[in-house]
């Protein structure tokens, strides 16, 4: 089993990002409202999104005034590569 270059592997996601963002529909507003209700989010709530992709869901929460922090998949792959070289 060879050693992977996790940084190089993580860049694969960037190659298709523009197409993904262009053709992937957004999430329904009702879904976001359901998440807000089920999670009992308030205007003071902060959201952590893991694997935000092109930010389609992030945008909907930000539009509603939530503070949002995200961890992108390439960041996760890079961290994984450092943990398991």
C-alpha atoms as a PDB file:
ATOM      1  CA  UNK A   1       0.000   0.000   0.000  1.00  0.00           C
ATOM      2  CA  UNK A   2       1.540   3.317  -1.117  1.00  0.00           C
ATOM      3  CA  UNK A   3       1.600   6.586   0.709  1.00  0.00           C
ATOM      4  CA  UNK A   4      -1.089   8.999  -0.450  1.00  0.00           C
ATOM      5  CA  UNK A   5      -0.555  12.707  -0.893  1.00  0.00           C
ATOM      6  CA  UNK A   6      -3.651  13.773   1.055  1.00  0.00           C
ATOM      7  CA  UNK A   7      -3.304  17.413   0.056  1.00  0.00           C
ATOM      8  CA  UNK A   8      -3.277  16.468  -3.635  1.00  0.00           C
ATOM      9  CA  UNK A   9      -6.193  14.067  -3.095  1.00  0.00           C
ATOM     10  CA  UNK A  10      -8.186  16.790  -1.354  1.00  0.00           C
ATOM     11  CA  UNK A  11      -7.836  19.060  -4.398  1.00  0.00           C
ATOM     12  CA  UNK A  12      -9.959  16.663  -6.472  1.00  0.00           C
ATOM     13  CA  UNK A  13     -13.066  18.186  -4.913  1.00  0.00           C
ATOM     14  CA  UNK A  14     -12.062  21.593  -6.260  1.00  0.00           C
ATOM     15  CA  UNK A  15     -12.031  20.343  -9.860  1.00  0.00           C
ATOM     16  CA  UNK A  16     -15.793  19.769  -9.950  1.00  0.00           C
ATOM     17  CA  UNK A  17     -16.919  22.504  -7.548  1.00  0.00           C
ATOM     18  CA  UNK A  18     -18.105  24.978 -10.187  1.00  0.00           C
ATOM     19  CA  UNK A  19     -20.221  22.351 -11.956  1.00  0.00           C
ATOM     20  CA  UNK A  20     -21.616  21.064  -8.687  1.00  0.00           C
ATOM     21  CA  UNK A  21     -22.631  24.551  -7.628  1.00  0.00           C
ATOM     22  CA  UNK A  22     -24.128  25.351 -11.028  1.00  0.00           C
ATOM     23  CA  UNK A  23     -26.292  22.233 -11.366  1.00  0.00           C
ATOM     24  CA  UNK A  24     -27.031  21.199  -7.782  1.00  0.00           C
ATOM     25  CA  UNK A  25     -30.382  22.662  -6.712  1.00  0.00           C
ATOM     26  CA  UNK A  26     -30.634  24.451  -3.395  1.00  0.00           C
ATOM     27  CA  UNK A  27     -32.349  22.955  -0.379  1.00  0.00           C
ATOM     28  CA  UNK A  28     -36.069  23.620   0.138  1.00  0.00           C
ATOM     29  CA  UNK A  29     -36.820  26.421   2.571  1.00  0.00           C
ATOM     30  CA  UNK A  30     -39.154  24.051   4.451  1.00  0.00           C
ATOM     31  CA  UNK A  31     -36.223  21.722   5.180  1.00  0.00           C
ATOM     32  CA  UNK A  32     -34.176  24.533   6.704  1.00  0.00           C
ATOM     33  CA  UNK A  33     -37.163  25.623   8.790  1.00  0.00           C
ATOM     34  CA  UNK A  34     -37.603  22.021   9.973  1.00  0.00           C
ATOM     35  CA  UNK A  35     -33.941  21.797  11.008  1.00  0.00           C
ATOM     36  CA  UNK A  36     -34.247  25.099  12.869  1.00  0.00           C
ATOM     37  CA  UNK A  37     -37.339  23.849  14.697  1.00  0.00           C
ATOM     38  CA  UNK A  38     -36.050  20.348  15.487  1.00  0.00           C
ATOM     39  CA  UNK A  39     -32.719  21.725  16.741  1.00  0.00           C
ATOM     40  CA  UNK A  40     -34.459  24.507  18.711  1.00  0.00           C
ATOM     41  CA  UNK A  41     -32.163  27.078  17.150  1.00  0.00           C
ATOM     42  CA  UNK A  42     -32.494  30.665  18.289  1.00  0.00           C
ATOM     43  CA  UNK A  43     -31.056  33.867  16.869  1.00  0.00           C
ATOM     44  CA  UNK A  44     -28.153  33.424  19.305  1.00  0.00           C
ATOM     45  CA  UNK A  45     -27.394  29.887  18.078  1.00  0.00           C
ATOM     46  CA  UNK A  46     -24.130  29.168  16.296  1.00  0.00           C
ATOM     47  CA  UNK A  47     -23.934  26.449  13.673  1.00  0.00           C
ATOM     48  CA  UNK A  48     -21.016  24.158  12.816  1.00  0.00           C
ATOM     49  CA  UNK A  49     -21.310  22.643   9.352  1.00  0.00           C
ATOM     50  CA  UNK A  50     -18.972  19.820   8.421  1.00  0.00           C
ATOM     51  CA  UNK A  51     -18.497  19.217   4.712  1.00  0.00           C
ATOM     52  CA  UNK A  52     -20.194  22.420   3.542  1.00  0.00           C
ATOM     53  CA  UNK A  53     -19.435  21.732  -0.120  1.00  0.00           C
ATOM     54  CA  UNK A  54     -20.293  24.762  -2.217  1.00  0.00           C
ATOM     55  CA  UNK A  55     -22.266  26.290   0.654  1.00  0.00           C
ATOM     56  CA  UNK A  56     -25.833  25.774  -0.567  1.00  0.00           C
ATOM     57  CA  UNK A  57     -27.151  24.971   2.927  1.00  0.00           C
ATOM     58  CA  UNK A  58     -24.777  27.436   4.594  1.00  0.00           C
ATOM     59  CA  UNK A  59     -26.206  30.262   2.523  1.00  0.00           C
ATOM     60  CA  UNK A  60     -29.747  29.521   3.698  1.00  0.00           C
ATOM     61  CA  UNK A  61     -28.756  29.627   7.365  1.00  0.00           C
ATOM     62  CA  UNK A  62     -26.660  32.779   6.881  1.00  0.00           C
ATOM     63  CA  UNK A  63     -29.595  34.458   5.116  1.00  0.00           C
ATOM     64  CA  UNK A  64     -31.601  33.836   8.295  1.00  0.00           C
ATOM     65  CA  UNK A  65     -28.967  35.577  10.441  1.00  0.00           C
ATOM     66  CA  UNK A  66     -27.232  32.570  12.009  1.00  0.00           C
ATOM     67  CA  UNK A  67     -23.524  32.593  12.780  1.00  0.00           C
ATOM     68  CA  UNK A  68     -21.997  29.678  10.907  1.00  0.00           C
ATOM     69  CA  UNK A  69     -18.585  28.036  10.931  1.00  0.00           C
ATOM     70  CA  UNK A  70     -17.756  25.312   8.458  1.00  0.00           C
ATOM     71  CA  UNK A  71     -15.096  22.702   7.940  1.00  0.00           C
ATOM     72  CA  UNK A  72     -14.534  21.867   4.285  1.00  0.00           C
ATOM     73  CA  UNK A  73     -13.892  18.319   3.095  1.00  0.00           C
ATOM     74  CA  UNK A  74     -10.368  19.137   1.815  1.00  0.00           C
ATOM     75  CA  UNK A  75      -9.501  20.316   5.335  1.00  0.00           C
ATOM     76  CA  UNK A  76     -10.747  17.010   6.719  1.00  0.00           C
ATOM     77  CA  UNK A  77      -8.749  14.999   4.195  1.00  0.00           C
ATOM     78  CA  UNK A  78      -5.611  16.972   4.958  1.00  0.00           C
ATOM     79  CA  UNK A  79      -6.075  16.397   8.687  1.00  0.00           C
ATOM     80  CA  UNK A  80      -6.716  12.694   8.050  1.00  0.00           C
ATOM     81  CA  UNK A  81      -3.525  12.492   6.026  1.00  0.00           C
ATOM     82  CA  UNK A  82      -1.552  13.998   8.881  1.00  0.00           C
ATOM     83  CA  UNK A  83      -3.040  11.553  11.383  1.00  0.00           C
ATOM     84  CA  UNK A  84      -2.604   8.483   9.183  1.00  0.00           C
ATOM     85  CA  UNK A  85       0.377   9.025   6.839  1.00  0.00           C
END
